[in-house]
Amino acid sequence: MDIISKFTVGSEEGISDLITIMDASAYALHKELVSEEEIKKYIKNDIDPRKMINDAE
């Protein structure tokens, strides 16, 4: 069974919370594979939360 979940972020606070969750997830998923510095670089250069929010509609 596939579960698909969608939600709407309707405020700057909600966007900030989403970014925090995304960053924490990136660390949790990859901390055993790559250095913390590489994860920080990836988050800074390759993740655009606002683009992800817009693309999710």
PDB file of N, CA and C in Angstrom:
ATOM      1  N   MET A   1       0.845  -1.167   0.000  1.00  0.00           N
ATOM      2  CA  MET A   1       0.000   0.000   0.000  1.00  0.00           C
ATOM      3  C   MET A   1       0.893   1.233   0.000  1.00  0.00           C
ATOM      4  N   ASP A   2       0.642   2.172  -0.900  1.00  0.00           N
ATOM      5  CA  ASP A   2       1.371   3.431  -0.954  1.00  0.00           C
ATOM      6  C   ASP A   2       0.580   4.499  -0.229  1.00  0.00           C
ATOM      7  N   ILE A   3       1.281   5.243   0.606  1.00  0.00           N
ATOM      8  CA  ILE A   3       0.650   6.353   1.310  1.00  0.00           C
ATOM      9  C   ILE A   3       1.265   7.639   0.786  1.00  0.00           C
ATOM     10  N   ILE A   4       0.437   8.526   0.311  1.00  0.00           N
ATOM     11  CA  ILE A   4       0.881   9.811  -0.201  1.00  0.00           C
ATOM     12  C   ILE A   4       0.318  10.886   0.706  1.00  0.00           C
ATOM     13  N   SER A   5       1.192  11.744   1.173  1.00  0.00           N
ATOM     14  CA  SER A   5       0.769  12.801   2.078  1.00  0.00           C
ATOM     15  C   SER A   5       1.142  14.153   1.482  1.00  0.00           C
ATOM     16  N   LYS A   6       0.214  15.078   1.492  1.00  0.00           N
ATOM     17  CA  LYS A   6       0.472  16.430   1.019  1.00  0.00           C
ATOM     18  C   LYS A   6      -0.046  17.398   2.054  1.00  0.00           C
ATOM     19  N   PHE A   7       0.627  18.538   2.154  1.00  0.00           N
ATOM     20  CA  PHE A   7       0.146  19.576   3.035  1.00  0.00           C
ATOM     21  C   PHE A   7       0.522  20.920   2.441  1.00  0.00           C
ATOM     22  N   THR A   8      -0.083  21.942   2.933  1.00  0.00           N
ATOM     23  CA  THR A   8       0.179  23.283   2.458  1.00  0.00           C
ATOM     24  C   THR A   8       0.869  24.079   3.553  1.00  0.00           C
ATOM     25  N   VAL A   9       1.935  24.731   3.193  1.00  0.00           N
ATOM     26  CA  VAL A   9       2.635  25.601   4.125  1.00  0.00           C
ATOM     27  C   VAL A   9       2.125  27.005   3.853  1.00  0.00           C
ATOM     28  N   GLY A  10       1.427  27.578   4.822  1.00  0.00           N
ATOM     29  CA  GLY A  10       0.760  28.843   4.578  1.00  0.00           C
ATOM     30  C   GLY A  10       1.372  30.046   5.251  1.00  0.00           C
ATOM     31  N   SER A  11       2.540  29.886   5.856  1.00  0.00           N
ATOM     32  CA  SER A  11       3.135  31.026   6.543  1.00  0.00           C
ATOM     33  C   SER A  11       4.652  30.918   6.506  1.00  0.00           C
ATOM     34  N   GLU A  12       5.314  32.019   6.817  1.00  0.00           N
ATOM     35  CA  GLU A  12       6.775  32.004   6.890  1.00  0.00           C
ATOM     36  C   GLU A  12       7.248  31.059   7.992  1.00  0.00           C
ATOM     37  N   GLU A  13       6.502  31.006   9.094  1.00  0.00           N
ATOM     38  CA  GLU A  13       6.848  30.093  10.183  1.00  0.00           C
ATOM     39  C   GLU A  13       6.758  28.644   9.707  1.00  0.00           C
ATOM     40  N   GLY A  14       5.724  28.338   8.932  1.00  0.00           N
ATOM     41  CA  GLY A  14       5.573  26.987   8.393  1.00  0.00           C
ATOM     42  C   GLY A  14       6.697  26.633   7.440  1.00  0.00           C
ATOM     43  N   ILE A  15       7.111  27.590   6.617  1.00  0.00           N
ATOM     44  CA  ILE A  15       8.220  27.370   5.688  1.00  0.00           C
ATOM     45  C   ILE A  15       9.504  27.137   6.470  1.00  0.00           C
ATOM     46  N   SER A  16       9.724  27.938   7.503  1.00  0.00           N
ATOM     47  CA  SER A  16      10.909  27.780   8.347  1.00  0.00           C
ATOM     48  C   SER A  16      10.924  26.401   8.996  1.00  0.00           C
ATOM     49  N   ASP A  17       9.778  25.951   9.486  1.00  0.00           N
ATOM     50  CA  ASP A  17       9.679  24.617  10.087  1.00  0.00           C
ATOM     51  C   ASP A  17       9.989  23.536   9.063  1.00  0.00           C
ATOM     52  N   LEU A  18       9.477  23.699   7.858  1.00  0.00           N
ATOM     53  CA  LEU A  18       9.733  22.722   6.798  1.00  0.00           C
ATOM     54  C   LEU A  18      11.219  22.643   6.473  1.00  0.00           C
ATOM     55  N   ILE A  19      11.880  23.789   6.378  1.00  0.00           N
ATOM     56  CA  ILE A  19      13.314  23.815   6.093  1.00  0.00           C
ATOM     57  C   ILE A  19      14.083  23.106   7.200  1.00  0.00           C
ATOM     58  N   THR A  20      13.704  23.337   8.439  1.00  0.00           N
ATOM     59  CA  THR A  20      14.354  22.674   9.575  1.00  0.00           C
ATOM     60  C   THR A  20      14.208  21.159   9.477  1.00  0.00           C
ATOM     61  N   ILE A  21      13.019  20.705   9.143  1.00  0.00           N
ATOM     62  CA  ILE A  21      12.773  19.270   9.006  1.00  0.00           C
ATOM     63  C   ILE A  21      13.582  18.689   7.854  1.00  0.00           C
ATOM     64  N   MET A  22      13.632  19.398   6.739  1.00  0.00           N
ATOM     65  CA  MET A  22      14.389  18.918   5.578  1.00  0.00           C
ATOM     66  C   MET A  22      15.875  18.796   5.907  1.00  0.00           C
ATOM     67  N   ASP A  23      16.421  19.813   6.581  1.00  0.00           N
ATOM     68  CA  ASP A  23      17.838  19.775   6.946  1.00  0.00           C
ATOM     69  C   ASP A  23      18.127  18.614   7.894  1.00  0.00           C
ATOM     70  N   ALA A  24      17.280  18.441   8.894  1.00  0.00           N
ATOM     71  CA  ALA A  24      17.465  17.353   9.855  1.00  0.00           C
ATOM     72  C   ALA A  24      17.376  16.000   9.157  1.00  0.00           C
ATOM     73  N   SER A  25      16.468  15.877   8.215  1.00  0.00           N
ATOM     74  CA  SER A  25      16.330  14.613   7.471  1.00  0.00           C
ATOM     75  C   SER A  25      17.570  14.326   6.648  1.00  0.00           C
ATOM     76  N   ALA A  26      18.115  15.345   6.003  1.00  0.00           N
ATOM     77  CA  ALA A  26      19.334  15.156   5.209  1.00  0.00           C
ATOM     78  C   ALA A  26      20.471  14.656   6.091  1.00  0.00           C
ATOM     79  N   TYR A  27      20.624  15.259   7.272  1.00  0.00           N
ATOM     80  CA  TYR A  27      21.662  14.794   8.200  1.00  0.00           C
ATOM     81  C   TYR A  27      21.413  13.356   8.633  1.00  0.00           C
ATOM     82  N   ALA A  28      20.200  13.058   9.035  1.00  0.00           N
ATOM     83  CA  ALA A  28      19.889  11.724   9.546  1.00  0.00           C
ATOM     84  C   ALA A  28      20.097  10.640   8.486  1.00  0.00           C
ATOM     85  N   LEU A  29      19.725  10.941   7.268  1.00  0.00           N
ATOM     86  CA  LEU A  29      19.822   9.943   6.199  1.00  0.00           C
ATOM     87  C   LEU A  29      21.246   9.710   5.701  1.00  0.00           C
ATOM     88  N   HIS A  30      22.098  10.723   5.805  1.00  0.00           N
ATOM     89  CA  HIS A  30      23.401  10.631   5.143  1.00  0.00           C
ATOM     90  C   HIS A  30      24.604  10.738   6.065  1.00  0.00           C
ATOM     91  N   LYS A  31      24.387  10.922   7.367  1.00  0.00           N
ATOM     92  CA  LYS A  31      25.510  11.160   8.272  1.00  0.00           C
ATOM     93  C   LYS A  31      26.482   9.989   8.351  1.00  0.00           C
ATOM     94  N   GLU A  32      26.034   8.796   8.071  1.00  0.00           N
ATOM     95  CA  GLU A  32      26.920   7.632   8.092  1.00  0.00           C
ATOM     96  C   GLU A  32      27.698   7.474   6.789  1.00  0.00           C
ATOM     97  N   LEU A  33      27.292   8.199   5.756  1.00  0.00           N
ATOM     98  CA  LEU A  33      27.888   8.025   4.431  1.00  0.00           C
ATOM     99  C   LEU A  33      28.836   9.137   4.023  1.00  0.00           C
ATOM    100  N   VAL A  34      28.536  10.370   4.447  1.00  0.00           N
ATOM    101  CA  VAL A  34      29.360  11.518   4.054  1.00  0.00           C
ATOM    102  C   VAL A  34      29.586  12.421   5.264  1.00  0.00           C
ATOM    103  N   SER A  35      30.560  13.303   5.133  1.00  0.00           N
ATOM    104  CA  SER A  35      30.892  14.189   6.247  1.00  0.00           C
ATOM    105  C   SER A  35      29.812  15.255   6.452  1.00  0.00           C
ATOM    106  N   GLU A  36      29.797  15.799   7.661  1.00  0.00           N
ATOM    107  CA  GLU A  36      28.835  16.855   7.979  1.00  0.00           C
ATOM    108  C   GLU A  36      29.045  18.061   7.067  1.00  0.00           C
ATOM    109  N   GLU A  37      30.293  18.366   6.757  1.00  0.00           N
ATOM    110  CA  GLU A  37      30.601  19.496   5.871  1.00  0.00           C
ATOM    111  C   GLU A  37      30.002  19.286   4.480  1.00  0.00           C
ATOM    112  N   GLU A  38      30.084  18.070   3.964  1.00  0.00           N
ATOM    113  CA  GLU A  38      29.501  17.772   2.652  1.00  0.00           C
ATOM    114  C   GLU A  38      27.982  17.899   2.683  1.00  0.00           C
ATOM    115  N   ILE A  39      27.377  17.476   3.775  1.00  0.00           N
ATOM    116  CA  ILE A  39      25.922  17.594   3.910  1.00  0.00           C
ATOM    117  C   ILE A  39      25.524  19.066   3.945  1.00  0.00           C
ATOM    118  N   LYS A  40      26.250  19.872   4.726  1.00  0.00           N
ATOM    119  CA  LYS A  40      25.963  21.305   4.788  1.00  0.00           C
ATOM    120  C   LYS A  40      26.088  21.948   3.407  1.00  0.00           C
ATOM    121  N   LYS A  41      27.134  21.576   2.678  1.00  0.00           N
ATOM    122  CA  LYS A  41      27.354  22.110   1.324  1.00  0.00           C
ATOM    123  C   LYS A  41      26.198  21.714   0.400  1.00  0.00           C
ATOM    124  N   TYR A  42      25.777  20.462   0.489  1.00  0.00           N
ATOM    125  CA  TYR A  42      24.665  19.991  -0.343  1.00  0.00           C
ATOM    126  C   TYR A  42      23.384  20.768  -0.027  1.00  0.00           C
ATOM    127  N   ILE A  43      23.085  20.918   1.251  1.00  0.00           N
ATOM    128  CA  ILE A  43      21.871  21.637   1.648  1.00  0.00           C
ATOM    129  C   ILE A  43      21.924  23.071   1.119  1.00  0.00           C
ATOM    130  N   LYS A  44      23.071  23.721   1.281  1.00  0.00           N
ATOM    131  CA  LYS A  44      23.209  25.114   0.856  1.00  0.00           C
ATOM    132  C   LYS A  44      23.103  25.281  -0.655  1.00  0.00           C
ATOM    133  N   ASN A  45      23.729  24.368  -1.414  1.00  0.00           N
ATOM    134  CA  ASN A  45      23.836  24.542  -2.868  1.00  0.00           C
ATOM    135  C   ASN A  45      22.779  23.819  -3.685  1.00  0.00           C
ATOM    136  N   ASP A  46      22.202  22.747  -3.163  1.00  0.00           N
ATOM    137  CA  ASP A  46      21.357  21.894  -3.998  1.00  0.00           C
ATOM    138  C   ASP A  46      19.906  21.772  -3.557  1.00  0.00           C
ATOM    139  N   ILE A  47      19.584  22.258  -2.372  1.00  0.00           N
ATOM    140  CA  ILE A  47      18.199  22.161  -1.916  1.00  0.00           C
ATOM    141  C   ILE A  47      17.591  23.558  -1.897  1.00  0.00           C
ATOM    142  N   ASP A  48      16.510  23.723  -2.636  1.00  0.00           N
ATOM    143  CA  ASP A  48      15.785  24.995  -2.664  1.00  0.00           C
ATOM    144  C   ASP A  48      14.370  24.737  -2.143  1.00  0.00           C
ATOM    145  N   PRO A  49      14.164  24.956  -0.846  1.00  0.00           N
ATOM    146  CA  PRO A  49      12.862  24.632  -0.247  1.00  0.00           C
ATOM    147  C   PRO A  49      11.693  25.350  -0.912  1.00  0.00           C
ATOM    148  N   ARG A  50      11.879  26.585  -1.290  1.00  0.00           N
ATOM    149  CA  ARG A  50      10.775  27.327  -1.907  1.00  0.00           C
ATOM    150  C   ARG A  50      10.404  26.734  -3.270  1.00  0.00           C
ATOM    151  N   LYS A  51      11.410  26.281  -4.009  1.00  0.00           N
ATOM    152  CA  LYS A  51      11.131  25.625  -5.289  1.00  0.00           C
ATOM    153  C   LYS A  51      10.399  24.316  -5.050  1.00  0.00           C
ATOM    154  N   MET A  52      10.823  23.579  -4.026  1.00  0.00           N
ATOM    155  CA  MET A  52      10.162  22.308  -3.702  1.00  0.00           C
ATOM    156  C   MET A  52       8.708  22.531  -3.311  1.00  0.00           C
ATOM    157  N   ILE A  53       8.447  23.602  -2.552  1.00  0.00           N
ATOM    158  CA  ILE A  53       7.079  23.909  -2.153  1.00  0.00           C
ATOM    159  C   ILE A  53       6.229  24.212  -3.373  1.00  0.00           C
ATOM    160  N   ASN A  54       6.753  25.012  -4.277  1.00  0.00           N
ATOM    161  CA  ASN A  54       6.014  25.383  -5.483  1.00  0.00           C
ATOM    162  C   ASN A  54       5.782  24.189  -6.399  1.00  0.00           C
ATOM    163  N   ASP A  55       6.788  23.295  -6.506  1.00  0.00           N
ATOM    164  CA  ASP A  55       6.677  22.125  -7.377  1.00  0.00           C
ATOM    165  C   ASP A  55       5.733  21.074  -6.822  1.00  0.00           C
ATOM    166  N   ALA A  56       5.449  21.115  -5.532  1.00  0.00           N
ATOM    167  CA  ALA A  56       4.642  20.076  -4.888  1.00  0.00           C
ATOM    168  C   ALA A  56       3.146  20.239  -5.156  1.00  0.00           C
ATOM    169  N   GLU A  57       2.760  21.334  -5.711  1.00  0.00           N
ATOM    170  CA  GLU A  57       1.320  21.557  -5.920  1.00  0.00           C
ATOM    171  C   GLU A  57       0.751  20.704  -7.004  1.00  0.00           C
TER     172      GLU A  57
END
